[in-house]
Protein backbone atom coordinates (compact mmCIF):
# COMPACT_ATOMS: atom_id res chain seq x y z
CA MET A 1 7.79 -20.80 18.00
CA ASP A 2 5.11 -22.65 16.12
CA THR A 3 4.49 -22.58 12.38
CA GLY A 4 1.28 -20.57 12.55
CA LEU A 5 2.89 -17.78 14.52
CA LEU A 6 5.82 -17.69 12.13
CA VAL A 7 3.50 -17.41 9.11
CA PHE A 8 1.51 -14.66 10.84
CA GLY A 9 4.67 -12.78 11.79
CA LEU A 10 5.99 -12.85 8.24
CA ALA A 11 2.64 -11.81 6.77
CA PHE A 12 2.22 -9.00 9.29
CA ALA A 13 5.76 -7.73 8.71
CA ALA A 14 5.21 -7.74 4.93
CA PHE A 15 1.91 -5.87 5.38
CA VAL A 16 3.43 -3.20 7.63
CA LEU A 17 6.42 -2.76 5.31
CA ALA A 18 4.12 -2.39 2.28
CA ALA A 19 1.92 0.13 4.12
CA VAL A 20 4.92 2.24 5.15
CA LEU A 21 6.37 2.10 1.63
CA LYS A 22 3.02 3.07 0.08
CA GLY A 23 2.69 5.99 2.49
CA TYR A 24 6.19 7.19 1.71
CA LEU A 25 5.65 6.92 -2.05
CA PHE A 26 2.35 8.75 -1.70
CA LEU A 27 3.94 11.68 0.10
CA ALA A 28 7.09 11.72 -2.05
CA VAL A 29 5.69 10.99 -5.53
CA VAL A 30 1.88 11.01 -5.79
CA GLN A 31 1.12 14.31 -4.05
CA PRO A 32 3.78 16.33 -5.89
CA GLY A 33 2.83 14.61 -9.17
CA LEU A 34 -0.83 15.53 -8.81
CA GLN A 35 0.00 19.09 -7.76
CA ALA A 36 2.29 19.47 -10.80
CA ARG A 37 -0.65 18.46 -13.00
CA GLY A 38 -2.94 21.02 -11.35
CA VAL A 39 -5.05 18.56 -9.34
CA PRO A 40 -6.01 19.94 -5.90
CA VAL A 41 -4.64 17.62 -3.21
CA ASP A 42 -4.96 17.74 0.58
CA GLU A 43 -1.61 18.39 2.18
CA GLY A 44 0.34 15.85 4.23
CA ARG A 45 -1.57 13.74 6.70
CA LEU A 46 -4.97 15.12 5.65
CA ALA A 47 -4.70 13.11 2.44
CA PHE A 48 -4.64 9.86 4.43
CA ARG A 49 -8.17 10.42 5.71
CA GLY A 50 -10.17 8.36 3.22
CA SER A 51 -8.93 9.92 -0.02
CA PHE A 52 -5.52 8.21 -0.09
CA GLY A 53 -6.58 5.48 -2.53
CA ARG A 54 -8.57 7.87 -4.72
CA TYR A 55 -5.61 10.22 -5.12
CA THR A 56 -3.37 7.29 -6.01
CA ARG A 57 -5.84 5.97 -8.60
CA ASP A 58 -6.17 9.47 -10.11
CA TYR A 59 -2.40 9.82 -10.26
CA LEU A 60 -1.95 6.47 -12.00
CA ALA A 61 -4.71 7.32 -14.50
CA LEU A 62 -2.95 10.58 -15.46
CA LEU A 63 0.39 8.94 -16.25
CA ASP A 64 1.42 8.19 -19.79
CA GLU A 65 3.14 4.97 -20.85
CA ALA A 66 6.68 6.29 -20.37
CA GLU A 67 5.91 7.59 -16.88
CA LEU A 68 4.33 4.28 -15.88
CA ARG A 69 7.64 2.54 -16.62
CA GLN A 70 9.52 4.62 -14.03
CA PRO A 71 10.45 2.49 -11.01
CA ALA A 72 8.63 4.59 -8.39
CA ASN A 73 5.42 4.61 -10.42
CA ARG A 74 5.64 0.86 -11.00
CA TRP A 75 5.93 0.33 -7.23
CA ILE A 76 2.96 2.62 -6.63
CA ALA A 77 0.86 0.60 -9.07
CA ARG A 78 1.94 -2.69 -7.50
CA LEU A 79 1.26 -1.55 -3.95
CA GLN A 80 -2.15 -0.17 -4.93
CA TRP A 81 -3.15 -3.77 -5.62
CA TRP A 82 -0.93 -5.71 -3.20
CA LEU A 83 -1.67 -3.85 0.04
CA PRO A 84 -5.28 -5.10 0.34
CA VAL A 85 -4.12 -8.60 -0.62
CA LEU A 86 -1.43 -8.54 2.08
CA GLY A 87 -4.02 -7.33 4.59
CA ALA A 88 -6.26 -10.28 3.74
CA VAL A 89 -3.31 -12.70 3.96
CA THR A 90 -2.39 -11.26 7.36
CA ALA A 91 -5.95 -11.76 8.64
CA ALA A 92 -6.07 -15.28 7.23
CA SER A 93 -2.71 -16.14 8.77
CA ALA A 94 -3.93 -14.90 12.16
CA LEU A 95 -6.88 -17.27 11.90
CA PHE A 96 -4.57 -20.05 10.71
CA SER A 97 -2.22 -19.40 13.62
CA SER A 98 -4.98 -19.55 16.23
CA TRP A 99 -6.44 -22.68 14.59
CA LEU A 100 -3.09 -24.47 14.65
CA THR A 101 -2.27 -23.58 18.23
CA GLY A 102 -5.81 -24.01 19.54
CA ARG A 103 -5.83 -20.59 21.20
């Protein structure tokens, strides 16, 4: 296995893991948190259709300082920023991999 493919595999695995974790935290923490605060939220998979990021931003904006320090909410805030970065790194590593191998 060449270096480029290894870098791409690691970046892609990190991206997929972050996406799955963000989806789980959205369904387990963000939706119930918004509903408890009286914000209307699409149920289940409907929320993933374009409004996923907006709901997460709204949820994070409604939290007070003590709630932001809870581990699940800290992970939600981190993944809100890191998921697009990991997507860009995955795309860049795919280009890097094809450039190194010449394919």
